[in-house]
Structure formats: structure tokens, C-alpha cells
């Protein structure tokens, strides 16, 4: 019987909830639920006084921006860099602090100049 070593996949995330959602995505879903549950019930209870259909439509429209941001950050990947968009944005934000003056020749320290 042949034995083959299978390399570990360290790049992809481990799916924790039913093999569908990773821990990072679960945190985004919990955050979205917390944000939506903070304002949707009061908005709906205020608008239902006027008309039920208007209340449902306005509530759904007001939830769309939160769902869109959470969906993009948590579930979509940037195909060019093979990263989720939250990691990509964190990398882009951190890139500004890494910009500096680069040259092929490193400056020589002062103590080395004295030896010449």
C-alpha cells in the first residue's frame, strides 16, 4: 500500500458552521444582525402606523446598505489577489505606512566613513 503525504491547505479558511460559513464570516453575520436589529424594529413599528406595504418597503430599502457592505466584506473575494475584500482593504490601508524612499545602494553609516 502506497503512502502519500497530502499538504495542508493553510490558505483557505476552515468552515465552522455546517461547513458553509467560516468564523470570520460568522462574525460579520453577527455584526450585521446586531446592527439591523438595533434600528429595524423601531423603524418598522413607526412606519406600520401609516401603511403596512410602505413599512415593509422602507424597512427593506434601509437594510440594503448594511447587507451590501457586510456581503462584500465578508463573502466576496478579489480575484486578482485571491483575498477577501476585508483583508484586501486592510492591506491597502496599511500600505500607506510602508511607502518610503528606496534605493539600491544603502547609505553607509558614519562610523564606516571614518574607517576609509
PDB file of N, CA and C in Angstrom:
ATOM      1  N   UNK A   1       0.840  -1.169   0.000  1.00  0.00           N
ATOM      2  CA  UNK A   1       0.000   0.000   0.000  1.00  0.00           C
ATOM      3  C   UNK A   1       0.893   1.242   0.000  1.00  0.00           C
ATOM      4  N   UNK A   2       0.553   2.166  -0.863  1.00  0.00           N
ATOM      5  CA  UNK A   2       1.324   3.390  -1.007  1.00  0.00           C
ATOM      6  C   UNK A   2       0.893   4.432   0.000  1.00  0.00           C
ATOM      7  N   UNK A   3       1.862   5.164   0.541  1.00  0.00           N
ATOM      8  CA  UNK A   3       1.558   6.263   1.440  1.00  0.00           C
ATOM      9  C   UNK A   3       1.969   7.558   0.759  1.00  0.00           C
ATOM     10  N   UNK A   4       1.052   8.517   0.745  1.00  0.00           N
ATOM     11  CA  UNK A   4       1.296   9.801   0.118  1.00  0.00           C
ATOM     12  C   UNK A   4       1.020  10.889   1.146  1.00  0.00           C
ATOM     13  N   UNK A   5       1.948  11.827   1.238  1.00  0.00           N
ATOM     14  CA  UNK A   5       1.746  12.948   2.141  1.00  0.00           C
ATOM     15  C   UNK A   5       0.942  14.028   1.433  1.00  0.00           C
ATOM     16  N   UNK A   6      -0.163  14.406   2.044  1.00  0.00           N
ATOM     17  CA  UNK A   6      -1.023  15.437   1.482  1.00  0.00           C
ATOM     18  C   UNK A   6      -0.694  16.750   2.185  1.00  0.00           C
ATOM     19  N   UNK A   7      -0.350  17.779   1.412  1.00  0.00           N
ATOM     20  CA  UNK A   7      -0.018  19.052   2.062  1.00  0.00           C
ATOM     21  C   UNK A   7      -1.247  19.686   2.702  1.00  0.00           C
ATOM     22  N   UNK A   8      -1.002  20.383   3.798  1.00  0.00           N
ATOM     23  CA  UNK A   8      -2.082  21.069   4.485  1.00  0.00           C
ATOM     24  C   UNK A   8      -2.443  22.338   3.742  1.00  0.00           C
ATOM     25  N   UNK A   9      -3.725  22.595   3.627  1.00  0.00           N
ATOM     26  CA  UNK A   9      -4.175  23.818   2.967  1.00  0.00           C
ATOM     27  C   UNK A   9      -4.253  24.917   4.018  1.00  0.00           C
ATOM     28  N   UNK A  10      -3.244  25.786   4.055  1.00  0.00           N
ATOM     29  CA  UNK A  10      -3.193  26.837   5.066  1.00  0.00           C
ATOM     30  C   UNK A  10      -3.777  28.146   4.565  1.00  0.00           C
ATOM     31  N   UNK A  11      -4.154  28.198   3.296  1.00  0.00           N
ATOM     32  CA  UNK A  11      -4.653  29.438   2.733  1.00  0.00           C
ATOM     33  C   UNK A  11      -6.155  29.595   2.946  1.00  0.00           C
ATOM     34  N   UNK A  12      -6.910  28.544   2.711  1.00  0.00           N
ATOM     35  CA  UNK A  12      -8.368  28.658   2.811  1.00  0.00           C
ATOM     36  C   UNK A  12      -8.800  28.605   4.273  1.00  0.00           C
ATOM     37  N   UNK A  13      -9.933  29.207   4.531  1.00  0.00           N
ATOM     38  CA  UNK A  13     -10.458  29.264   5.884  1.00  0.00           C
ATOM     39  C   UNK A  13     -11.201  27.978   6.224  1.00  0.00           C
ATOM     40  N   UNK A  14     -11.152  27.620   7.489  1.00  0.00           N
ATOM     41  CA  UNK A  14     -11.882  26.443   7.932  1.00  0.00           C
ATOM     42  C   UNK A  14     -13.337  26.838   8.155  1.00  0.00           C
ATOM     43  N   UNK A  15     -14.230  26.102   7.538  1.00  0.00           N
ATOM     44  CA  UNK A  15     -15.667  26.368   7.666  1.00  0.00           C
ATOM     45  C   UNK A  15     -16.151  25.766   8.982  1.00  0.00           C
ATOM     46  N   UNK A  16     -16.687  26.603   9.859  1.00  0.00           N
ATOM     47  CA  UNK A  16     -17.037  26.171  11.197  1.00  0.00           C
ATOM     48  C   UNK A  16     -18.506  25.797  11.319  1.00  0.00           C
ATOM     49  N   UNK A  17     -19.384  26.589  10.738  1.00  0.00           N
ATOM     50  CA  UNK A  17     -20.822  26.372  10.890  1.00  0.00           C
ATOM     51  C   UNK A  17     -21.340  25.563   9.710  1.00  0.00           C
ATOM     52  N   UNK A  18     -21.634  24.315   9.940  1.00  0.00           N
ATOM     53  CA  UNK A  18     -22.193  23.387   8.943  1.00  0.00           C
ATOM     54  C   UNK A  18     -21.348  23.284   7.676  1.00  0.00           C
ATOM     55  N   UNK A  19     -20.091  23.624   7.745  1.00  0.00           N
ATOM     56  CA  UNK A  19     -19.217  23.555   6.583  1.00  0.00           C
ATOM     57  C   UNK A  19     -19.513  24.608   5.537  1.00  0.00           C
ATOM     58  N   UNK A  20     -20.259  25.641   5.905  1.00  0.00           N
ATOM     59  CA  UNK A  20     -20.652  26.677   4.950  1.00  0.00           C
ATOM     60  C   UNK A  20     -20.013  28.021   5.280  1.00  0.00           C
ATOM     61  N   UNK A  21     -19.996  28.379   6.549  1.00  0.00           N
ATOM     62  CA  UNK A  21     -19.571  29.714   6.978  1.00  0.00           C
ATOM     63  C   UNK A  21     -18.352  29.588   7.883  1.00  0.00           C
ATOM     64  N   UNK A  22     -17.327  30.401   7.596  1.00  0.00           N
ATOM     65  CA  UNK A  22     -16.135  30.399   8.442  1.00  0.00           C
ATOM     66  C   UNK A  22     -16.364  31.292   9.659  1.00  0.00           C
ATOM     67  N   UNK A  23     -15.410  31.284  10.579  1.00  0.00           N
ATOM     68  CA  UNK A  23     -15.547  32.080  11.795  1.00  0.00           C
ATOM     69  C   UNK A  23     -15.555  33.578  11.472  1.00  0.00           C
ATOM     70  N   UNK A  24     -14.742  33.993  10.527  1.00  0.00           N
ATOM     71  CA  UNK A  24     -14.697  35.399  10.132  1.00  0.00           C
ATOM     72  C   UNK A  24     -16.037  35.830   9.542  1.00  0.00           C
ATOM     73  N   UNK A  25     -16.607  34.994   8.699  1.00  0.00           N
ATOM     74  CA  UNK A  25     -17.901  35.304   8.101  1.00  0.00           C
ATOM     75  C   UNK A  25     -19.015  35.281   9.143  1.00  0.00           C
ATOM     76  N   UNK A  26     -18.905  34.394  10.127  1.00  0.00           N
ATOM     77  CA  UNK A  26     -19.887  34.344  11.201  1.00  0.00           C
ATOM     78  C   UNK A  26     -19.854  35.630  12.025  1.00  0.00           C
ATOM     79  N   UNK A  27     -18.681  36.170  12.253  1.00  0.00           N
ATOM     80  CA  UNK A  27     -18.569  37.433  12.983  1.00  0.00           C
ATOM     81  C   UNK A  27     -19.235  38.554  12.196  1.00  0.00           C
ATOM     82  N   UNK A  28     -19.037  38.585  10.884  1.00  0.00           N
ATOM     83  CA  UNK A  28     -19.711  39.588  10.058  1.00  0.00           C
ATOM     84  C   UNK A  28     -21.233  39.425  10.107  1.00  0.00           C
ATOM     85  N   UNK A  29     -21.717  38.189  10.088  1.00  0.00           N
ATOM     86  CA  UNK A  29     -23.165  37.964  10.144  1.00  0.00           C
ATOM     87  C   UNK A  29     -23.749  38.390  11.489  1.00  0.00           C
ATOM     88  N   UNK A  30     -23.030  38.118  12.569  1.00  0.00           N
ATOM     89  CA  UNK A  30     -23.497  38.525  13.892  1.00  0.00           C
ATOM     90  C   UNK A  30     -23.502  40.058  13.993  1.00  0.00           C
ATOM     91  N   UNK A  31     -22.476  40.709  13.441  1.00  0.00           N
ATOM     92  CA  UNK A  31     -22.429  42.180  13.451  1.00  0.00           C
ATOM     93  C   UNK A  31     -23.585  42.755  12.636  1.00  0.00           C
ATOM     94  N   UNK A  32     -23.868  42.167  11.486  1.00  0.00           N
ATOM     95  CA  UNK A  32     -24.985  42.645  10.657  1.00  0.00           C
ATOM     96  C   UNK A  32     -26.312  42.458  11.387  1.00  0.00           C
ATOM     97  N   UNK A  33     -26.475  41.324  12.044  1.00  0.00           N
ATOM     98  CA  UNK A  33     -27.707  41.090  12.803  1.00  0.00           C
ATOM     99  C   UNK A  33     -27.856  42.100  13.928  1.00  0.00           C
ATOM    100  N   UNK A  34     -26.755  42.415  14.627  1.00  0.00           N
ATOM    101  CA  UNK A  34     -26.811  43.381  15.724  1.00  0.00           C
ATOM    102  C   UNK A  34     -27.160  44.775  15.216  1.00  0.00           C
ATOM    103  N   UNK A  35     -26.557  45.164  14.096  1.00  0.00           N
ATOM    104  CA  UNK A  35     -26.832  46.492  13.532  1.00  0.00           C
ATOM    105  C   UNK A  35     -28.281  46.587  13.068  1.00  0.00           C
ATOM    106  N   UNK A  36     -28.721  45.573  12.328  1.00  0.00           N
ATOM    107  CA  UNK A  36     -30.091  45.609  11.805  1.00  0.00           C
ATOM    108  C   UNK A  36     -31.138  45.511  12.918  1.00  0.00           C
ATOM    109  N   UNK A  37     -30.872  44.711  13.925  1.00  0.00           N
ATOM    110  CA  UNK A  37     -31.854  44.580  14.998  1.00  0.00           C
ATOM    111  C   UNK A  37     -31.895  45.807  15.898  1.00  0.00           C
ATOM    112  N   UNK A  38     -30.909  46.689  15.760  1.00  0.00           N
ATOM    113  CA  UNK A  38     -30.933  47.902  16.581  1.00  0.00           C
ATOM    114  C   UNK A  38     -31.879  48.963  16.026  1.00  0.00           C
ATOM    115  N   UNK A  39     -32.091  48.991  14.713  1.00  0.00           N
ATOM    116  CA  UNK A  39     -32.956  50.049  14.184  1.00  0.00           C
ATOM    117  C   UNK A  39     -34.150  49.560  13.361  1.00  0.00           C
ATOM    118  N   UNK A  40     -34.133  48.371  12.855  1.00  0.00           N
ATOM    119  CA  UNK A  40     -35.231  47.883  12.011  1.00  0.00           C
ATOM    120  C   UNK A  40     -36.559  47.765  12.769  1.00  0.00           C
ATOM    121  N   UNK A  41     -36.613  47.184  13.976  1.00  0.00           N
ATOM    122  CA  UNK A  41     -37.925  47.067  14.646  1.00  0.00           C
ATOM    123  C   UNK A  41     -38.574  48.417  14.957  1.00  0.00           C
ATOM    124  N   UNK A  42     -37.770  49.366  15.409  1.00  0.00           N
ATOM    125  CA  UNK A  42     -38.372  50.670  15.721  1.00  0.00           C
ATOM    126  C   UNK A  42     -38.806  51.400  14.448  1.00  0.00           C
ATOM    127  N   UNK A  43     -38.028  51.267  13.386  1.00  0.00           N
ATOM    128  CA  UNK A  43     -38.406  51.890  12.114  1.00  0.00           C
ATOM    129  C   UNK A  43     -39.690  51.272  11.567  1.00  0.00           C
ATOM    130  N   UNK A  44     -39.779  49.944  11.631  1.00  0.00           N
ATOM    131  CA  UNK A  44     -40.968  49.266  11.122  1.00  0.00           C
ATOM    132  C   UNK A  44     -42.198  49.597  11.961  1.00  0.00           C
ATOM    133  N   UNK A  45     -42.037  49.625  13.285  1.00  0.00           N
ATOM    134  CA  UNK A  45     -43.199  49.931  14.132  1.00  0.00           C
ATOM    135  C   UNK A  45     -43.673  51.372  13.936  1.00  0.00           C
ATOM    136  N   UNK A  46     -42.757  52.274  13.591  1.00  0.00           N
ATOM    137  CA  UNK A  46     -43.151  53.653  13.303  1.00  0.00           C
ATOM    138  C   UNK A  46     -43.885  53.738  11.957  1.00  0.00           C
ATOM    139  N   UNK A  47     -43.377  53.042  10.930  1.00  0.00           N
ATOM    140  CA  UNK A  47     -43.948  53.145   9.586  1.00  0.00           C
ATOM    141  C   UNK A  47     -45.216  52.334   9.394  1.00  0.00           C
ATOM    142  N   UNK A  48     -45.422  51.308  10.230  1.00  0.00           N
ATOM    143  CA  UNK A  48     -46.619  50.485  10.061  1.00  0.00           C
ATOM    144  C   UNK A  48     -47.889  51.266  10.431  1.00  0.00           C
ATOM    145  N   UNK A  49     -47.719  52.355  11.167  1.00  0.00           N
ATOM    146  CA  UNK A  49     -48.872  53.192  11.512  1.00  0.00           C
ATOM    147  C   UNK A  49     -49.482  53.829  10.266  1.00  0.00           C
ATOM    148  N   UNK A  50     -48.633  54.095   9.278  1.00  0.00           N
ATOM    149  CA  UNK A  50     -49.116  54.731   8.056  1.00  0.00           C
ATOM    150  C   UNK A  50     -49.667  53.708   7.067  1.00  0.00           C
ATOM    151  N   UNK A  51     -48.844  52.724   6.739  1.00  0.00           N
ATOM    152  CA  UNK A  51     -49.263  51.717   5.770  1.00  0.00           C
ATOM    153  C   UNK A  51     -48.319  50.527   5.910  1.00  0.00           C
ATOM    154  N   UNK A  52     -48.881  49.310   5.863  1.00  0.00           N
ATOM    155  CA  UNK A  52     -48.060  48.114   6.031  1.00  0.00           C
ATOM    156  C   UNK A  52     -47.074  47.950   4.879  1.00  0.00           C
ATOM    157  N   UNK A  53     -47.534  48.144   3.663  1.00  0.00           N
ATOM    158  CA  UNK A  53     -46.683  47.958   2.482  1.00  0.00           C
ATOM    159  C   UNK A  53     -45.541  48.968   2.481  1.00  0.00           C
ATOM    160  N   UNK A  54     -45.829  50.204   2.819  1.00  0.00           N
ATOM    161  CA  UNK A  54     -44.796  51.237   2.882  1.00  0.00           C
ATOM    162  C   UNK A  54     -43.768  50.887   3.960  1.00  0.00           C
ATOM    163  N   UNK A  55     -44.248  50.385   5.086  1.00  0.00           N
ATOM    164  CA  UNK A  55     -43.350  49.976   6.164  1.00  0.00           C
ATOM    165  C   UNK A  55     -42.396  48.884   5.744  1.00  0.00           C
ATOM    166  N   UNK A  56     -42.916  47.887   5.036  1.00  0.00           N
ATOM    167  CA  UNK A  56     -42.075  46.772   4.573  1.00  0.00           C
ATOM    168  C   UNK A  56     -41.062  47.266   3.545  1.00  0.00           C
ATOM    169  N   UNK A  57     -41.510  48.075   2.606  1.00  0.00           N
ATOM    170  CA  UNK A  57     -40.612  48.551   1.541  1.00  0.00           C
ATOM    171  C   UNK A  57     -39.507  49.430   2.114  1.00  0.00           C
ATOM    172  N   UNK A  58     -39.858  50.379   2.962  1.00  0.00           N
ATOM    173  CA  UNK A  58     -38.849  51.269   3.538  1.00  0.00           C
ATOM    174  C   UNK A  58     -37.895  50.498   4.436  1.00  0.00           C
ATOM    175  N   UNK A  59     -38.387  49.530   5.172  1.00  0.00           N
ATOM    176  CA  UNK A  59     -37.525  48.715   6.032  1.00  0.00           C
ATOM    177  C   UNK A  59     -36.537  47.904   5.204  1.00  0.00           C
ATOM    178  N   UNK A  60     -36.999  47.299   4.126  1.00  0.00           N
ATOM    179  CA  UNK A  60     -36.096  46.534   3.261  1.00  0.00           C
ATOM    180  C   UNK A  60     -35.058  47.429   2.587  1.00  0.00           C
ATOM    181  N   UNK A  61     -35.490  48.605   2.137  1.00  0.00           N
ATOM    182  CA  UNK A  61     -34.552  49.523   1.490  1.00  0.00           C
ATOM    183  C   UNK A  61     -33.516  50.030   2.488  1.00  0.00           C
ATOM    184  N   UNK A  62     -33.926  50.267   3.730  1.00  0.00           N
ATOM    185  CA  UNK A  62     -32.971  50.752   4.730  1.00  0.00           C
ATOM    186  C   UNK A  62     -31.992  49.664   5.175  1.00  0.00           C
ATOM    187  N   UNK A  63     -32.347  48.396   4.988  1.00  0.00           N
ATOM    188  CA  UNK A  63     -31.445  47.303   5.350  1.00  0.00           C
ATOM    189  C   UNK A  63     -30.438  46.992   4.244  1.00  0.00           C
ATOM    190  N   UNK A  64     -30.710  47.408   3.026  1.00  0.00           N
ATOM    191  CA  UNK A  64     -29.844  47.069   1.890  1.00  0.00           C
ATOM    192  C   UNK A  64     -28.393  47.561   2.023  1.00  0.00           C
ATOM    193  N   UNK A  65     -28.131  48.797   2.449  1.00  0.00           N
ATOM    194  CA  UNK A  65     -26.721  49.220   2.560  1.00  0.00           C
ATOM    195  C   UNK A  65     -25.914  48.382   3.548  1.00  0.00           C
ATOM    196  N   UNK A  66     -26.521  48.047   4.677  1.00  0.00           N
ATOM    197  CA  UNK A  66     -25.813  47.229   5.671  1.00  0.00           C
ATOM    198  C   UNK A  66     -25.531  45.846   5.106  1.00  0.00           C
ATOM    199  N   UNK A  67     -26.527  45.255   4.464  1.00  0.00           N
ATOM    200  CA  UNK A  67     -26.344  43.924   3.886  1.00  0.00           C
ATOM    201  C   UNK A  67     -25.327  43.937   2.744  1.00  0.00           C
ATOM    202  N   UNK A  68     -25.303  45.015   1.974  1.00  0.00           N
ATOM    203  CA  UNK A  68     -24.346  45.106   0.875  1.00  0.00           C
ATOM    204  C   UNK A  68     -22.911  45.205   1.398  1.00  0.00           C
ATOM    205  N   UNK A  69     -22.692  46.035   2.398  1.00  0.00           N
ATOM    206  CA  UNK A  69     -21.336  46.190   2.954  1.00  0.00           C
ATOM    207  C   UNK A  69     -20.873  44.893   3.604  1.00  0.00           C
ATOM    208  N   UNK A  70     -21.743  44.277   4.382  1.00  0.00           N
ATOM    209  CA  UNK A  70     -21.388  43.013   5.036  1.00  0.00           C
ATOM    210  C   UNK A  70     -21.156  41.916   3.998  1.00  0.00           C
ATOM    211  N   UNK A  71     -21.973  41.887   2.969  1.00  0.00           N
ATOM    212  CA  UNK A  71     -21.800  40.875   1.921  1.00  0.00           C
ATOM    213  C   UNK A  71     -20.497  41.028   1.174  1.00  0.00           C
ATOM    214  N   UNK A  72     -20.136  42.264   0.848  1.00  0.00           N
ATOM    215  CA  UNK A  72     -18.877  42.494   0.119  1.00  0.00           C
ATOM    216  C   UNK A  72     -17.681  42.171   1.005  1.00  0.00           C
ATOM    217  N   UNK A  73     -17.676  42.674   2.229  1.00  0.00           N
ATOM    218  CA  UNK A  73     -16.521  42.456   3.104  1.00  0.00           C
ATOM    219  C   UNK A  73     -16.383  41.003   3.544  1.00  0.00           C
ATOM    220  N   UNK A  74     -17.487  40.353   3.799  1.00  0.00           N
ATOM    221  CA  UNK A  74     -17.411  39.014   4.360  1.00  0.00           C
ATOM    222  C   UNK A  74     -17.388  37.874   3.366  1.00  0.00           C
ATOM    223  N   UNK A  75     -18.007  38.061   2.188  1.00  0.00           N
ATOM    224  CA  UNK A  75     -18.215  36.901   1.331  1.00  0.00           C
ATOM    225  C   UNK A  75     -17.624  37.009  -0.072  1.00  0.00           C
ATOM    226  N   UNK A  76     -17.285  38.190  -0.545  1.00  0.00           N
ATOM    227  CA  UNK A  76     -16.731  38.310  -1.889  1.00  0.00           C
ATOM    228  C   UNK A  76     -15.204  38.325  -1.861  1.00  0.00           C
ATOM    229  N   UNK A  77     -14.625  37.728  -2.887  1.00  0.00           N
ATOM    230  CA  UNK A  77     -13.165  37.672  -3.000  1.00  0.00           C
ATOM    231  C   UNK A  77     -12.702  38.556  -4.147  1.00  0.00           C
ATOM    232  N   UNK A  78     -11.546  39.156  -3.961  1.00  0.00           N
ATOM    233  CA  UNK A  78     -10.879  39.886  -5.022  1.00  0.00           C
ATOM    234  C   UNK A  78     -10.123  38.853  -5.846  1.00  0.00           C
ATOM    235  N   UNK A  79     -10.535  38.638  -7.079  1.00  0.00           N
ATOM    236  CA  UNK A  79      -9.969  37.551  -7.885  1.00  0.00           C
ATOM    237  C   UNK A  79      -8.508  37.793  -8.255  1.00  0.00           C
ATOM    238  N   UNK A  80      -8.135  39.044  -8.402  1.00  0.00           N
ATOM    239  CA  UNK A  80      -6.760  39.349  -8.806  1.00  0.00           C
ATOM    240  C   UNK A  80      -5.760  38.946  -7.725  1.00  0.00           C
ATOM    241  N   UNK A  81      -6.104  39.205  -6.461  1.00  0.00           N
ATOM    242  CA  UNK A  81      -5.182  38.934  -5.357  1.00  0.00           C
ATOM    243  C   UNK A  81      -5.576  37.718  -4.530  1.00  0.00           C
ATOM    244  N   UNK A  82      -6.673  37.064  -4.855  1.00  0.00           N
ATOM    245  CA  UNK A  82      -7.152  35.884  -4.141  1.00  0.00           C
ATOM    246  C   UNK A  82      -7.317  36.161  -2.645  1.00  0.00           C
ATOM    247  N   UNK A  83      -7.923  37.315  -2.343  1.00  0.00           N
ATOM    248  CA  UNK A  83      -8.160  37.706  -0.954  1.00  0.00           C
ATOM    249  C   UNK A  83      -9.610  38.146  -0.808  1.00  0.00           C
ATOM    250  N   UNK A  84     -10.152  37.963   0.392  1.00  0.00           N
ATOM    251  CA  UNK A  84     -11.452  38.558   0.664  1.00  0.00           C
ATOM    252  C   UNK A  84     -11.275  40.069   0.749  1.00  0.00           C
ATOM    253  N   UNK A  85     -12.343  40.801   0.489  1.00  0.00           N
ATOM    254  CA  UNK A  85     -12.231  42.248   0.401  1.00  0.00           C
ATOM    255  C   UNK A  85     -11.879  42.908   1.728  1.00  0.00           C
ATOM    256  N   UNK A  86     -12.235  42.308   2.865  1.00  0.00           N
ATOM    257  CA  UNK A  86     -11.828  42.915   4.125  1.00  0.00           C
ATOM    258  C   UNK A  86     -10.313  42.841   4.298  1.00  0.00           C
ATOM    259  N   UNK A  87      -9.713  41.709   3.977  1.00  0.00           N
ATOM    260  CA  UNK A  87      -8.257  41.586   4.050  1.00  0.00           C
ATOM    261  C   UNK A  87      -7.580  42.494   3.030  1.00  0.00           C
ATOM    262  N   UNK A  88      -8.163  42.578   1.861  1.00  0.00           N
ATOM    263  CA  UNK A  88      -7.612  43.439   0.812  1.00  0.00           C
ATOM    264  C   UNK A  88      -7.628  44.907   1.248  1.00  0.00           C
ATOM    265  N   UNK A  89      -8.736  45.358   1.842  1.00  0.00           N
ATOM    266  CA  UNK A  89      -8.814  46.746   2.286  1.00  0.00           C
ATOM    267  C   UNK A  89      -7.865  47.023   3.443  1.00  0.00           C
ATOM    268  N   UNK A  90      -7.727  46.077   4.377  1.00  0.00           N
ATOM    269  CA  UNK A  90      -6.769  46.259   5.465  1.00  0.00           C
ATOM    270  C   UNK A  90      -5.348  46.340   4.935  1.00  0.00           C
ATOM    271  N   UNK A  91      -5.035  45.544   3.915  1.00  0.00           N
ATOM    272  CA  UNK A  91      -3.712  45.592   3.310  1.00  0.00           C
ATOM    273  C   UNK A  91      -3.488  46.915   2.599  1.00  0.00           C
ATOM    274  N   UNK A  92      -4.494  47.396   1.887  1.00  0.00           N
ATOM    275  CA  UNK A  92      -4.372  48.676   1.180  1.00  0.00           C
ATOM    276  C   UNK A  92      -4.209  49.838   2.161  1.00  0.00           C
ATOM    277  N   UNK A  93      -4.934  49.807   3.267  1.00  0.00           N
ATOM    278  CA  UNK A  93      -4.817  50.867   4.259  1.00  0.00           C
ATOM    279  C   UNK A  93      -3.435  50.836   4.910  1.00  0.00           C
ATOM    280  N   UNK A  94      -2.930  49.656   5.211  1.00  0.00           N
ATOM    281  CA  UNK A  94      -1.613  49.524   5.825  1.00  0.00           C
ATOM    282  C   UNK A  94      -0.479  49.820   4.868  1.00  0.00           C
ATOM    283  N   UNK A  95      -0.749  49.778   3.569  1.00  0.00           N
ATOM    284  CA  UNK A  95       0.305  50.018   2.575  1.00  0.00           C
ATOM    285  C   UNK A  95       0.820  51.444   2.630  1.00  0.00           C
ATOM    286  N   UNK A  96      -0.026  52.399   3.011  1.00  0.00           N
ATOM    287  CA  UNK A  96       0.381  53.802   3.050  1.00  0.00           C
ATOM    288  C   UNK A  96       1.515  54.027   4.036  1.00  0.00           C
ATOM    289  N   UNK A  97       1.553  53.256   5.119  1.00  0.00           N
ATOM    290  CA  UNK A  97       2.617  53.431   6.108  1.00  0.00           C
ATOM    291  C   UNK A  97       3.907  52.749   5.684  1.00  0.00           C
ATOM    292  N   UNK A  98       3.879  51.954   4.631  1.00  0.00           N
ATOM    293  CA  UNK A  98       5.071  51.242   4.188  1.00  0.00           C
ATOM    294  C   UNK A  98       5.796  51.951   3.054  1.00  0.00           C
ATOM    295  N   UNK A  99       5.244  53.061   2.569  1.00  0.00           N
ATOM    296  CA  UNK A  99       5.872  53.779   1.465  1.00  0.00           C
ATOM    297  C   UNK A  99       7.050  54.574   2.011  1.00  0.00           C
ATOM    298  N   UNK A 100       8.172  54.451   1.365  1.00  0.00           N
ATOM    299  CA  UNK A 100       9.365  55.166   1.803  1.00  0.00           C
ATOM    300  C   UNK A 100      10.303  55.391   0.635  1.00  0.00           C
ATOM    301  N   UNK A 101      11.477  55.884   0.927  1.00  0.00           N
ATOM    302  CA  UNK A 101      12.485  56.110  -0.099  1.00  0.00           C
ATOM    303  C   UNK A 101      13.343  54.856  -0.170  1.00  0.00           C
ATOM    304  N   UNK A 102      13.343  54.249  -1.338  1.00  0.00           N
ATOM    305  CA  UNK A 102      14.109  53.027  -1.530  1.00  0.00           C
ATOM    306  C   UNK A 102      15.180  53.281  -2.575  1.00  0.00           C
ATOM    307  N   UNK A 103      16.380  52.816  -2.291  1.00  0.00           N
ATOM    308  CA  UNK A 103      17.457  52.912  -3.271  1.00  0.00           C
ATOM    309  C   UNK A 103      18.220  51.601  -3.274  1.00  0.00           C
ATOM    310  N   UNK A 104      18.914  51.338  -4.363  1.00  0.00           N
ATOM    311  CA  UNK A 104      19.667  50.092  -4.458  1.00  0.00           C
ATOM    312  C   UNK A 104      20.892  50.121  -3.553  1.00  0.00           C
ATOM    313  N   UNK A 105      21.483  51.290  -3.424  1.00  0.00           N
ATOM    314  CA  UNK A 105      22.672  51.412  -2.595  1.00  0.00           C
ATOM    315  C   UNK A 105      22.261  51.936  -1.226  1.00  0.00           C
ATOM    316  N   UNK A 106      22.578  51.178  -0.202  1.00  0.00           N
ATOM    317  CA  UNK A 106      22.239  51.600   1.150  1.00  0.00           C
ATOM    318  C   UNK A 106      23.243  52.645   1.622  1.00  0.00           C
ATOM    319  N   UNK A 107      22.799  53.649   2.341  1.00  0.00           N
ATOM    320  CA  UNK A 107      23.736  54.650   2.847  1.00  0.00           C
ATOM    321  C   UNK A 107      24.670  54.025   3.878  1.00  0.00           C
ATOM    322  N   UNK A 108      25.902  54.422   3.834  1.00  0.00           N
ATOM    323  CA  UNK A 108      26.882  53.869   4.771  1.00  0.00           C
ATOM    324  C   UNK A 108      26.812  54.643   6.087  1.00  0.00           C
ATOM    325  N   UNK A 109      26.911  53.933   7.195  1.00  0.00           N
ATOM    326  CA  UNK A 109      26.888  54.611   8.492  1.00  0.00           C
ATOM    327  C   UNK A 109      28.120  55.504   8.676  1.00  0.00           C
ATOM    328  N   UNK A 110      28.003  56.446   9.587  1.00  0.00           N
ATOM    329  CA  UNK A 110      29.090  57.395   9.821  1.00  0.00           C
ATOM    330  C   UNK A 110      30.374  56.724  10.294  1.00  0.00           C
ATOM    331  N   UNK A 111      30.281  55.706  11.122  1.00  0.00           N
ATOM    332  CA  UNK A 111      31.485  55.070  11.629  1.00  0.00           C
ATOM    333  C   UNK A 111      32.250  54.354  10.540  1.00  0.00           C
ATOM    334  N   UNK A 112      31.557  53.942   9.469  1.00  0.00           N
ATOM    335  CA  UNK A 112      32.250  53.296   8.365  1.00  0.00           C
ATOM    336  C   UNK A 112      32.974  54.321   7.511  1.00  0.00           C
ATOM    337  N   UNK A 113      32.443  55.530   7.445  1.00  0.00           N
ATOM    338  CA  UNK A 113      33.077  56.594   6.672  1.00  0.00           C
ATOM    339  C   UNK A 113      34.403  56.978   7.311  1.00  0.00           C
ATOM    340  N   UNK A 114      34.486  56.922   8.654  1.00  0.00           N
ATOM    341  CA  UNK A 114      35.710  57.288   9.346  1.00  0.00           C
ATOM    342  C   UNK A 114      36.818  56.277   9.087  1.00  0.00           C
ATOM    343  N   UNK A 115      36.467  55.015   8.798  1.00  0.00           N
ATOM    344  CA  UNK A 115      37.469  53.972   8.563  1.00  0.00           C
ATOM    345  C   UNK A 115      38.120  54.110   7.201  1.00  0.00           C
ATOM    346  N   UNK A 116      37.494  54.774   6.271  1.00  0.00           N
ATOM    347  CA  UNK A 116      38.027  54.881   4.915  1.00  0.00           C
ATOM    348  C   UNK A 116      39.197  55.777   4.824  1.00  0.00           C
TER     349      UNK A 116
END
